[in-house]
């Protein structure tokens, strides 16, 4: 689905790439070299957003106030820092909105209107 979105419309927080590395090596049992190559392909294809101290501070507040896991909160904070409108994710609460960002489950039976608009924007 991400391949259907305009490339300049996708930002990948570095934290997401770290989580992808863990999934590839621990759950899918890929070698670390294979996982590294996959991560680098993602980084070559999309803009990667680094975590800043400011984003981490916001993540601490978000985690404490909304009881989110810190790493999910950091992803949301980095997305907010980069002025995104939507965060694709299946394990965060779909429909959750914070600082103008709406969490959208890309695998939901019915596509969220934000995702529909983004897919049509190509």
C-alpha atoms as a PDB file:
ATOM      1  CA  UNK A   1       0.000   0.000   0.000  1.00  0.00           C
ATOM      2  CA  UNK A   2       2.847   2.390   0.772  1.00  0.00           C
ATOM      3  CA  UNK A   3       4.101   1.898  -2.769  1.00  0.00           C
ATOM      4  CA  UNK A   4       0.767   3.339  -3.974  1.00  0.00           C
ATOM      5  CA  UNK A   5       1.332   6.590  -2.088  1.00  0.00           C
ATOM      6  CA  UNK A   6       3.273   9.435  -3.693  1.00  0.00           C
ATOM      7  CA  UNK A   7       6.913   8.979  -2.617  1.00  0.00           C
ATOM      8  CA  UNK A   8       7.244  12.582  -1.484  1.00  0.00           C
ATOM      9  CA  UNK A   9       4.231  12.109   0.796  1.00  0.00           C
ATOM     10  CA  UNK A  10       5.828   9.376   2.928  1.00  0.00           C
ATOM     11  CA  UNK A  11       8.061  10.010   5.926  1.00  0.00           C
ATOM     12  CA  UNK A  12       9.432   7.060   7.876  1.00  0.00           C
ATOM     13  CA  UNK A  13      10.521   7.713  11.459  1.00  0.00           C
ATOM     14  CA  UNK A  14      13.900   6.096  12.147  1.00  0.00           C
ATOM     15  CA  UNK A  15      12.258   4.329  15.112  1.00  0.00           C
ATOM     16  CA  UNK A  16       9.982   2.490  12.659  1.00  0.00           C
ATOM     17  CA  UNK A  17      13.009   1.219  10.764  1.00  0.00           C
ATOM     18  CA  UNK A  18      14.470  -0.051  14.029  1.00  0.00           C
ATOM     19  CA  UNK A  19      11.258  -1.905  14.772  1.00  0.00           C
ATOM     20  CA  UNK A  20      11.236  -3.323  11.244  1.00  0.00           C
ATOM     21  CA  UNK A  21      14.794  -4.572  11.786  1.00  0.00           C
ATOM     22  CA  UNK A  22      13.651  -6.402  14.936  1.00  0.00           C
ATOM     23  CA  UNK A  23      10.664  -7.967  13.179  1.00  0.00           C
ATOM     24  CA  UNK A  24      12.807  -9.111  10.264  1.00  0.00           C
ATOM     25  CA  UNK A  25      15.482 -10.671  12.475  1.00  0.00           C
ATOM     26  CA  UNK A  26      13.422 -11.991  15.396  1.00  0.00           C
ATOM     27  CA  UNK A  27      10.071 -12.967  13.913  1.00  0.00           C
ATOM     28  CA  UNK A  28      10.916 -13.625  10.271  1.00  0.00           C
ATOM     29  CA  UNK A  29      14.369 -15.008  11.124  1.00  0.00           C
ATOM     30  CA  UNK A  30      16.177 -13.037   8.431  1.00  0.00           C
ATOM     31  CA  UNK A  31      19.892 -12.561   8.837  1.00  0.00           C
ATOM     32  CA  UNK A  32      21.073  -9.210  10.153  1.00  0.00           C
ATOM     33  CA  UNK A  33      22.664  -8.511   6.770  1.00  0.00           C
ATOM     34  CA  UNK A  34      19.371  -9.180   4.968  1.00  0.00           C
ATOM     35  CA  UNK A  35      17.557  -6.975   7.454  1.00  0.00           C
ATOM     36  CA  UNK A  36      20.139  -4.210   7.054  1.00  0.00           C
ATOM     37  CA  UNK A  37      19.733  -4.339   3.272  1.00  0.00           C
ATOM     38  CA  UNK A  38      15.946  -4.141   3.572  1.00  0.00           C
ATOM     39  CA  UNK A  39      16.203  -1.157   5.934  1.00  0.00           C
ATOM     40  CA  UNK A  40      18.598   0.620   3.588  1.00  0.00           C
ATOM     41  CA  UNK A  41      16.183   0.047   0.679  1.00  0.00           C
ATOM     42  CA  UNK A  42      13.420   1.718   2.692  1.00  0.00           C
ATOM     43  CA  UNK A  43      15.756   4.587   3.546  1.00  0.00           C
ATOM     44  CA  UNK A  44      16.653   4.983  -0.130  1.00  0.00           C
ATOM     45  CA  UNK A  45      12.978   5.052  -1.111  1.00  0.00           C
ATOM     46  CA  UNK A  46      11.525   7.408   1.484  1.00  0.00           C
ATOM     47  CA  UNK A  47      12.546  10.322   3.664  1.00  0.00           C
ATOM     48  CA  UNK A  48      13.716   9.122   7.074  1.00  0.00           C
ATOM     49  CA  UNK A  49      12.911  11.368  10.041  1.00  0.00           C
ATOM     50  CA  UNK A  50      15.296  11.285  12.971  1.00  0.00           C
ATOM     51  CA  UNK A  51      14.159  11.467  16.580  1.00  0.00           C
ATOM     52  CA  UNK A  52      15.031  14.734  18.254  1.00  0.00           C
ATOM     53  CA  UNK A  53      15.279  15.513  21.944  1.00  0.00           C
ATOM     54  CA  UNK A  54      12.238  17.759  21.532  1.00  0.00           C
ATOM     55  CA  UNK A  55      10.247  14.860  20.021  1.00  0.00           C
ATOM     56  CA  UNK A  56      11.397  12.589  22.835  1.00  0.00           C
ATOM     57  CA  UNK A  57      10.247  15.097  25.445  1.00  0.00           C
ATOM     58  CA  UNK A  58       6.825  15.247  23.790  1.00  0.00           C
ATOM     59  CA  UNK A  59       6.790  11.451  23.696  1.00  0.00           C
ATOM     60  CA  UNK A  60       7.407  11.321  27.438  1.00  0.00           C
ATOM     61  CA  UNK A  61       4.367  13.532  28.021  1.00  0.00           C
ATOM     62  CA  UNK A  62       2.259  11.599  25.533  1.00  0.00           C
ATOM     63  CA  UNK A  63       3.246   8.290  27.113  1.00  0.00           C
ATOM     64  CA  UNK A  64       2.478   9.528  30.626  1.00  0.00           C
ATOM     65  CA  UNK A  65      -0.769  11.308  29.715  1.00  0.00           C
ATOM     66  CA  UNK A  66      -2.207   8.730  27.285  1.00  0.00           C
ATOM     67  CA  UNK A  67      -0.483   5.601  28.620  1.00  0.00           C
ATOM     68  CA  UNK A  68       1.115   4.802  25.260  1.00  0.00           C
ATOM     69  CA  UNK A  69       4.295   2.803  25.038  1.00  0.00           C
ATOM     70  CA  UNK A  70       7.225   5.205  24.824  1.00  0.00           C
ATOM     71  CA  UNK A  71       8.379   4.015  21.399  1.00  0.00           C
ATOM     72  CA  UNK A  72       4.886   4.396  19.897  1.00  0.00           C
ATOM     73  CA  UNK A  73       4.684   7.840  21.478  1.00  0.00           C
ATOM     74  CA  UNK A  74       8.068   8.718  19.972  1.00  0.00           C
ATOM     75  CA  UNK A  75       6.876   7.706  16.521  1.00  0.00           C
ATOM     76  CA  UNK A  76       3.806   9.936  16.941  1.00  0.00           C
ATOM     77  CA  UNK A  77       5.966  12.807  18.159  1.00  0.00           C
ATOM     78  CA  UNK A  78       8.372  12.540  15.219  1.00  0.00           C
ATOM     79  CA  UNK A  79       5.435  12.444  12.819  1.00  0.00           C
ATOM     80  CA  UNK A  80       4.003  15.558  14.480  1.00  0.00           C
ATOM     81  CA  UNK A  81       7.372  17.296  14.335  1.00  0.00           C
ATOM     82  CA  UNK A  82       7.395  16.656  10.579  1.00  0.00           C
ATOM     83  CA  UNK A  83       3.893  18.120  10.195  1.00  0.00           C
ATOM     84  CA  UNK A  84       2.261  14.946   8.930  1.00  0.00           C
ATOM     85  CA  UNK A  85      -1.485  14.483   8.916  1.00  0.00           C
ATOM     86  CA  UNK A  86      -1.732  10.692   9.141  1.00  0.00           C
ATOM     87  CA  UNK A  87       0.189   7.838  10.753  1.00  0.00           C
ATOM     88  CA  UNK A  88      -0.312   4.383   9.318  1.00  0.00           C
ATOM     89  CA  UNK A  89      -0.258   1.759  12.030  1.00  0.00           C
ATOM     90  CA  UNK A  90      -2.172  -1.323  12.955  1.00  0.00           C
ATOM     91  CA  UNK A  91      -1.174  -1.615  16.601  1.00  0.00           C
ATOM     92  CA  UNK A  92      -1.953   1.919  17.756  1.00  0.00           C
ATOM     93  CA  UNK A  93      -5.556   2.878  18.419  1.00  0.00           C
ATOM     94  CA  UNK A  94      -7.115   3.513  14.982  1.00  0.00           C
ATOM     95  CA  UNK A  95      -8.785   6.903  14.879  1.00  0.00           C
ATOM     96  CA  UNK A  96      -6.638   8.269  17.712  1.00  0.00           C
ATOM     97  CA  UNK A  97      -5.837  11.901  16.932  1.00  0.00           C
ATOM     98  CA  UNK A  98      -3.072  13.935  18.539  1.00  0.00           C
ATOM     99  CA  UNK A  99      -1.681  17.290  17.385  1.00  0.00           C
ATOM    100  CA  UNK A 100      -3.567  16.970  14.110  1.00  0.00           C
ATOM    101  CA  UNK A 101      -2.274  13.472  13.332  1.00  0.00           C
ATOM    102  CA  UNK A 102      -4.789  10.681  12.950  1.00  0.00           C
ATOM    103  CA  UNK A 103      -3.733   7.062  13.381  1.00  0.00           C
ATOM    104  CA  UNK A 104      -5.075   5.034  10.469  1.00  0.00           C
ATOM    105  CA  UNK A 105      -5.089   1.239  10.256  1.00  0.00           C
ATOM    106  CA  UNK A 106      -4.123   0.476   6.644  1.00  0.00           C
ATOM    107  CA  UNK A 107      -5.555  -3.042   7.007  1.00  0.00           C
ATOM    108  CA  UNK A 108      -8.987  -1.967   8.234  1.00  0.00           C
ATOM    109  CA  UNK A 109     -11.904  -3.454   6.357  1.00  0.00           C
ATOM    110  CA  UNK A 110     -13.043   0.041   5.429  1.00  0.00           C
ATOM    111  CA  UNK A 111     -10.384   2.563   4.422  1.00  0.00           C
ATOM    112  CA  UNK A 112     -10.181   5.777   6.402  1.00  0.00           C
ATOM    113  CA  UNK A 113     -11.026   8.902   4.321  1.00  0.00           C
ATOM    114  CA  UNK A 114      -7.530  10.336   4.912  1.00  0.00           C
ATOM    115  CA  UNK A 115      -5.948   7.232   3.438  1.00  0.00           C
ATOM    116  CA  UNK A 116      -8.378   7.260   0.505  1.00  0.00           C
ATOM    117  CA  UNK A 117      -7.438  10.872  -0.282  1.00  0.00           C
ATOM    118  CA  UNK A 118      -3.720  10.124  -0.021  1.00  0.00           C
ATOM    119  CA  UNK A 119      -4.025   7.138  -2.358  1.00  0.00           C
ATOM    120  CA  UNK A 120      -5.908   9.240  -4.905  1.00  0.00           C
ATOM    121  CA  UNK A 121      -3.312  12.038  -4.709  1.00  0.00           C
ATOM    122  CA  UNK A 122      -0.754  10.131  -6.756  1.00  0.00           C
END
